[in-house]
Amino acid sequence: MSRIYKILPGADWSFAQQAGRFDGSTLDLQDGFIHFSTAAQAQETARRHFAGQARLVVLEVETDDLGDAVRWEPSRGGALFPHLYGPLPTRQVRGVTEAPLDADGLPVIAVAS
């Protein structure tokens, strides 16, 4: 079992809850998969892609719940990141936490590594 994390605006999560699934962000839809991070990768993902964005949440998901739809693929830097090919059913989200901004405008990601 492996926990993975998706950072997204809280409004997107609210919409997904109403729909029963999260289909991905604009970038996810362009890339053809939903980007996730491991616990060790989440804070750097937040710094690189979400700086200055308020009202973010972090979804916690078990890879075993997603089956073969999760693939571990290298990023531009070579690190392996989990990618979900298909929608994320909201029932498979194990936890949701807020990611407040610190004094420098960077989201604070609290995940267990």
N, C-alpha and C. Protein backbone atom coordinates (compact mmCIF):
# COMPACT_ATOMS: atom_id res chain seq x y z
N MET A 1 0.84 -1.17 0.00
CA MET A 1 0.00 0.00 0.00
C MET A 1 0.89 1.25 0.00
N SER A 2 0.49 2.24 -0.76
CA SER A 2 1.27 3.46 -0.87
C SER A 2 0.33 4.66 -0.92
N ARG A 3 0.58 5.63 -0.06
CA ARG A 3 -0.23 6.85 -0.06
C ARG A 3 0.33 7.83 -1.08
N ILE A 4 -0.57 8.44 -1.83
CA ILE A 4 -0.21 9.50 -2.77
C ILE A 4 -1.12 10.69 -2.51
N TYR A 5 -0.69 11.85 -3.02
CA TYR A 5 -1.35 13.10 -2.67
C TYR A 5 -1.61 13.96 -3.89
N LYS A 6 -2.78 14.60 -3.91
CA LYS A 6 -3.16 15.52 -4.98
C LYS A 6 -3.45 16.87 -4.34
N ILE A 7 -2.75 17.89 -4.82
CA ILE A 7 -2.97 19.26 -4.35
C ILE A 7 -3.89 19.96 -5.35
N LEU A 8 -4.92 20.61 -4.85
CA LEU A 8 -5.85 21.30 -5.74
C LEU A 8 -6.60 22.39 -4.99
N PRO A 9 -7.18 23.33 -5.71
CA PRO A 9 -8.00 24.36 -5.06
C PRO A 9 -9.21 23.73 -4.37
N GLY A 10 -9.54 24.27 -3.21
CA GLY A 10 -10.69 23.76 -2.47
C GLY A 10 -11.98 23.80 -3.28
N ALA A 11 -12.14 24.82 -4.13
CA ALA A 11 -13.34 24.92 -4.96
C ALA A 11 -13.44 23.74 -5.93
N ASP A 12 -12.29 23.29 -6.45
CA ASP A 12 -12.29 22.14 -7.35
C ASP A 12 -12.71 20.87 -6.61
N TRP A 13 -12.26 20.76 -5.36
CA TRP A 13 -12.65 19.60 -4.56
C TRP A 13 -14.14 19.63 -4.25
N SER A 14 -14.69 20.79 -3.95
CA SER A 14 -16.13 20.92 -3.69
C SER A 14 -16.93 20.49 -4.92
N PHE A 15 -16.50 20.92 -6.09
CA PHE A 15 -17.16 20.54 -7.33
C PHE A 15 -17.06 19.02 -7.54
N ALA A 16 -15.88 18.46 -7.28
CA ALA A 16 -15.70 17.01 -7.45
C ALA A 16 -16.61 16.23 -6.51
N GLN A 17 -16.76 16.71 -5.29
CA GLN A 17 -17.64 16.03 -4.34
C GLN A 17 -19.07 16.00 -4.85
N GLN A 18 -19.51 17.09 -5.44
CA GLN A 18 -20.86 17.12 -6.00
C GLN A 18 -21.00 16.16 -7.18
N ALA A 19 -19.94 16.06 -7.98
CA ALA A 19 -19.96 15.21 -9.16
C ALA A 19 -19.68 13.74 -8.82
N GLY A 20 -19.06 13.51 -7.66
CA GLY A 20 -18.69 12.15 -7.28
C GLY A 20 -17.36 11.70 -7.86
N ARG A 21 -16.66 12.60 -8.52
CA ARG A 21 -15.36 12.26 -9.11
C ARG A 21 -14.59 13.53 -9.46
N PHE A 22 -13.28 13.39 -9.46
CA PHE A 22 -12.41 14.48 -9.88
C PHE A 22 -11.77 14.05 -11.20
N ASP A 23 -12.02 14.84 -12.24
CA ASP A 23 -11.51 14.52 -13.57
C ASP A 23 -10.13 15.11 -13.84
N GLY A 24 -9.68 16.02 -12.97
CA GLY A 24 -8.36 16.60 -13.12
C GLY A 24 -8.41 18.10 -13.32
N SER A 25 -7.25 18.72 -13.09
CA SER A 25 -7.08 20.15 -13.32
C SER A 25 -6.91 20.40 -14.81
N THR A 26 -6.81 21.64 -15.19
CA THR A 26 -6.56 21.98 -16.60
C THR A 26 -5.28 21.31 -17.08
N LEU A 27 -4.22 21.38 -16.26
CA LEU A 27 -2.95 20.73 -16.64
C LEU A 27 -3.10 19.22 -16.74
N ASP A 28 -3.80 18.62 -15.77
CA ASP A 28 -4.04 17.18 -15.82
C ASP A 28 -4.73 16.78 -17.12
N LEU A 29 -5.77 17.53 -17.46
CA LEU A 29 -6.53 17.22 -18.68
C LEU A 29 -5.66 17.36 -19.92
N GLN A 30 -4.78 18.36 -19.94
CA GLN A 30 -3.87 18.53 -21.08
C GLN A 30 -2.89 17.37 -21.18
N ASP A 31 -2.40 16.91 -20.03
CA ASP A 31 -1.40 15.83 -20.01
C ASP A 31 -2.02 14.44 -20.16
N GLY A 32 -3.31 14.32 -19.95
CA GLY A 32 -3.97 13.03 -20.13
C GLY A 32 -3.96 12.14 -18.90
N PHE A 33 -3.58 12.69 -17.74
CA PHE A 33 -3.59 11.95 -16.49
C PHE A 33 -3.64 12.94 -15.33
N ILE A 34 -4.00 12.43 -14.15
CA ILE A 34 -4.02 13.27 -12.96
C ILE A 34 -2.68 13.13 -12.25
N HIS A 35 -2.03 14.27 -12.05
CA HIS A 35 -0.73 14.32 -11.37
C HIS A 35 -0.90 14.11 -9.87
N PHE A 36 -0.13 13.22 -9.30
CA PHE A 36 -0.06 13.01 -7.86
C PHE A 36 1.39 13.15 -7.42
N SER A 37 1.59 13.22 -6.12
CA SER A 37 2.93 13.25 -5.53
C SER A 37 2.98 12.26 -4.37
N THR A 38 4.18 11.79 -4.06
CA THR A 38 4.37 11.03 -2.84
C THR A 38 4.48 12.02 -1.68
N ALA A 39 4.51 11.50 -0.46
CA ALA A 39 4.69 12.38 0.70
C ALA A 39 6.00 13.15 0.60
N ALA A 40 7.04 12.50 0.13
CA ALA A 40 8.35 13.15 0.01
C ALA A 40 8.37 14.22 -1.08
N GLN A 41 7.49 14.12 -2.06
CA GLN A 41 7.46 15.05 -3.20
C GLN A 41 6.46 16.19 -3.03
N ALA A 42 5.51 16.05 -2.13
CA ALA A 42 4.37 16.97 -2.07
C ALA A 42 4.76 18.42 -1.78
N GLN A 43 5.67 18.65 -0.86
CA GLN A 43 6.01 20.03 -0.52
C GLN A 43 6.69 20.72 -1.70
N GLU A 44 7.57 20.03 -2.41
CA GLU A 44 8.23 20.63 -3.58
C GLU A 44 7.22 20.86 -4.71
N THR A 45 6.29 19.95 -4.87
CA THR A 45 5.22 20.15 -5.86
C THR A 45 4.44 21.42 -5.53
N ALA A 46 4.12 21.59 -4.26
CA ALA A 46 3.39 22.79 -3.82
C ALA A 46 4.19 24.04 -4.11
N ARG A 47 5.47 24.01 -3.80
CA ARG A 47 6.33 25.18 -4.03
C ARG A 47 6.42 25.53 -5.51
N ARG A 48 6.60 24.54 -6.35
CA ARG A 48 6.78 24.78 -7.79
C ARG A 48 5.50 25.18 -8.51
N HIS A 49 4.39 24.59 -8.12
CA HIS A 49 3.18 24.73 -8.93
C HIS A 49 2.03 25.48 -8.25
N PHE A 50 2.12 25.73 -6.95
CA PHE A 50 0.97 26.31 -6.24
C PHE A 50 1.31 27.52 -5.38
N ALA A 51 2.50 28.07 -5.53
CA ALA A 51 2.90 29.23 -4.73
C ALA A 51 1.90 30.37 -4.93
N GLY A 52 1.51 30.99 -3.83
CA GLY A 52 0.61 32.13 -3.88
C GLY A 52 -0.86 31.78 -4.04
N GLN A 53 -1.18 30.51 -4.16
CA GLN A 53 -2.58 30.11 -4.34
C GLN A 53 -3.20 29.77 -2.98
N ALA A 54 -4.16 30.54 -2.59
CA ALA A 54 -4.83 30.32 -1.31
C ALA A 54 -5.94 29.28 -1.45
N ARG A 55 -6.40 28.79 -0.32
CA ARG A 55 -7.53 27.86 -0.22
C ARG A 55 -7.27 26.54 -0.97
N LEU A 56 -6.07 26.02 -0.81
CA LEU A 56 -5.74 24.72 -1.40
C LEU A 56 -6.08 23.60 -0.42
N VAL A 57 -6.36 22.44 -0.97
CA VAL A 57 -6.52 21.23 -0.15
C VAL A 57 -5.61 20.15 -0.72
N VAL A 58 -5.33 19.17 0.13
CA VAL A 58 -4.51 18.03 -0.26
C VAL A 58 -5.34 16.77 -0.07
N LEU A 59 -5.51 16.02 -1.15
CA LEU A 59 -6.24 14.75 -1.09
C LEU A 59 -5.26 13.63 -0.82
N GLU A 60 -5.66 12.69 0.01
CA GLU A 60 -4.83 11.54 0.34
C GLU A 60 -5.52 10.29 -0.21
N VAL A 61 -4.77 9.52 -0.99
CA VAL A 61 -5.34 8.37 -1.69
C VAL A 61 -4.39 7.18 -1.56
N GLU A 62 -4.93 5.98 -1.48
CA GLU A 62 -4.13 4.75 -1.49
C GLU A 62 -4.01 4.25 -2.93
N THR A 63 -2.80 3.97 -3.35
CA THR A 63 -2.62 3.48 -4.73
C THR A 63 -3.35 2.16 -4.94
N ASP A 64 -3.41 1.31 -3.91
CA ASP A 64 -4.10 0.03 -4.05
C ASP A 64 -5.57 0.20 -4.41
N ASP A 65 -6.17 1.29 -3.96
CA ASP A 65 -7.59 1.55 -4.26
C ASP A 65 -7.81 1.89 -5.73
N LEU A 66 -6.75 2.34 -6.39
CA LEU A 66 -6.87 2.79 -7.79
C LEU A 66 -6.47 1.74 -8.81
N GLY A 67 -5.86 0.67 -8.36
CA GLY A 67 -5.51 -0.43 -9.25
C GLY A 67 -4.52 -0.05 -10.33
N ASP A 68 -4.72 -0.65 -11.51
CA ASP A 68 -3.81 -0.47 -12.64
C ASP A 68 -3.90 0.91 -13.28
N ALA A 69 -4.83 1.73 -12.84
CA ALA A 69 -4.96 3.08 -13.42
C ALA A 69 -3.81 3.99 -12.98
N VAL A 70 -3.06 3.58 -11.93
CA VAL A 70 -1.91 4.37 -11.46
C VAL A 70 -0.65 3.83 -12.12
N ARG A 71 0.11 4.75 -12.67
CA ARG A 71 1.41 4.40 -13.26
C ARG A 71 2.47 5.31 -12.66
N TRP A 72 3.62 4.75 -12.36
CA TRP A 72 4.76 5.51 -11.85
C TRP A 72 5.63 5.86 -13.03
N GLU A 73 5.72 7.16 -13.31
CA GLU A 73 6.43 7.60 -14.51
C GLU A 73 7.44 8.69 -14.15
N PRO A 74 8.56 8.75 -14.89
CA PRO A 74 9.59 9.74 -14.58
C PRO A 74 9.17 11.16 -14.97
N SER A 75 9.57 12.10 -14.13
CA SER A 75 9.38 13.52 -14.44
C SER A 75 10.54 13.98 -15.31
N ARG A 76 10.52 15.26 -15.66
CA ARG A 76 11.63 15.80 -16.45
C ARG A 76 12.97 15.60 -15.76
N GLY A 77 12.97 15.62 -14.42
CA GLY A 77 14.20 15.45 -13.66
C GLY A 77 14.55 13.99 -13.39
N GLY A 78 13.67 13.08 -13.80
CA GLY A 78 13.94 11.65 -13.64
C GLY A 78 13.28 11.00 -12.44
N ALA A 79 12.77 11.76 -11.48
CA ALA A 79 12.09 11.17 -10.33
C ALA A 79 10.78 10.53 -10.77
N LEU A 80 10.41 9.43 -10.15
CA LEU A 80 9.15 8.76 -10.47
C LEU A 80 8.01 9.42 -9.71
N PHE A 81 6.96 9.76 -10.45
CA PHE A 81 5.76 10.35 -9.87
C PHE A 81 4.56 9.47 -10.21
N PRO A 82 3.58 9.37 -9.30
CA PRO A 82 2.36 8.62 -9.59
C PRO A 82 1.41 9.45 -10.46
N HIS A 83 0.92 8.81 -11.50
CA HIS A 83 -0.05 9.43 -12.41
C HIS A 83 -1.27 8.53 -12.49
N LEU A 84 -2.45 9.13 -12.39
CA LEU A 84 -3.70 8.38 -12.48
C LEU A 84 -4.30 8.59 -13.85
N TYR A 85 -4.47 7.50 -14.57
CA TYR A 85 -5.09 7.54 -15.90
C TYR A 85 -6.56 7.22 -15.75
N GLY A 86 -7.35 8.26 -15.64
CA GLY A 86 -8.79 8.13 -15.45
C GLY A 86 -9.21 9.04 -14.32
N PRO A 87 -10.51 9.14 -14.10
CA PRO A 87 -11.00 10.02 -13.03
C PRO A 87 -10.72 9.43 -11.65
N LEU A 88 -10.71 10.30 -10.65
CA LEU A 88 -10.55 9.89 -9.26
C LEU A 88 -11.93 9.89 -8.61
N PRO A 89 -12.48 8.71 -8.29
CA PRO A 89 -13.76 8.68 -7.57
C PRO A 89 -13.59 9.28 -6.18
N THR A 90 -14.46 10.18 -5.78
CA THR A 90 -14.31 10.85 -4.49
C THR A 90 -14.38 9.86 -3.33
N ARG A 91 -15.06 8.76 -3.49
CA ARG A 91 -15.16 7.77 -2.42
C ARG A 91 -13.82 7.12 -2.10
N GLN A 92 -12.85 7.26 -3.01
CA GLN A 92 -11.54 6.66 -2.78
C GLN A 92 -10.55 7.63 -2.12
N VAL A 93 -11.00 8.81 -1.80
CA VAL A 93 -10.15 9.77 -1.10
C VAL A 93 -10.22 9.45 0.39
N ARG A 94 -9.06 9.14 0.98
CA ARG A 94 -8.99 8.70 2.37
C ARG A 94 -8.93 9.87 3.36
N GLY A 95 -8.47 11.02 2.89
CA GLY A 95 -8.38 12.18 3.76
C GLY A 95 -8.22 13.45 2.96
N VAL A 96 -8.64 14.55 3.55
CA VAL A 96 -8.52 15.88 2.92
C VAL A 96 -8.03 16.83 4.00
N THR A 97 -6.92 17.52 3.71
CA THR A 97 -6.40 18.52 4.64
C THR A 97 -6.20 19.83 3.91
N GLU A 98 -6.28 20.92 4.66
CA GLU A 98 -6.03 22.24 4.08
C GLU A 98 -4.53 22.45 3.96
N ALA A 99 -4.14 23.30 3.02
CA ALA A 99 -2.74 23.66 2.81
C ALA A 99 -2.63 25.18 2.88
N PRO A 100 -2.56 25.73 4.09
CA PRO A 100 -2.49 27.19 4.24
C PRO A 100 -1.16 27.73 3.70
N LEU A 101 -1.16 29.00 3.37
CA LEU A 101 0.06 29.64 2.89
C LEU A 101 0.91 30.11 4.07
N ASP A 102 2.22 29.94 3.94
CA ASP A 102 3.12 30.45 4.97
C ASP A 102 3.41 31.93 4.70
N ALA A 103 4.30 32.53 5.47
CA ALA A 103 4.60 33.96 5.34
C ALA A 103 5.18 34.33 3.98
N ASP A 104 5.77 33.34 3.29
CA ASP A 104 6.34 33.57 1.96
C ASP A 104 5.37 33.26 0.82
N GLY A 105 4.13 32.90 1.18
CA GLY A 105 3.13 32.59 0.16
C GLY A 105 3.24 31.17 -0.39
N LEU A 106 3.95 30.30 0.34
CA LEU A 106 4.06 28.91 -0.10
C LEU A 106 3.10 28.03 0.66
N PRO A 107 2.40 27.12 -0.02
CA PRO A 107 1.48 26.22 0.68
C PRO A 107 2.25 25.32 1.64
N VAL A 108 1.69 25.14 2.81
CA VAL A 108 2.26 24.23 3.80
C VAL A 108 1.54 22.91 3.68
N ILE A 109 2.28 21.88 3.29
CA ILE A 109 1.70 20.55 3.07
C ILE A 109 2.05 19.67 4.26
N ALA A 110 1.05 19.20 4.99
CA ALA A 110 1.25 18.35 6.15
C ALA A 110 0.85 16.92 5.79
N VAL A 111 1.84 16.14 5.36
CA VAL A 111 1.59 14.72 5.05
C VAL A 111 2.62 13.89 5.78
N ALA A 112 2.24 12.67 6.10
CA ALA A 112 3.17 11.76 6.77
C ALA A 112 4.11 11.13 5.76
N SER A 113 5.40 11.27 6.00
CA SER A 113 6.36 10.67 5.05
C SER A 113 6.96 9.41 5.59
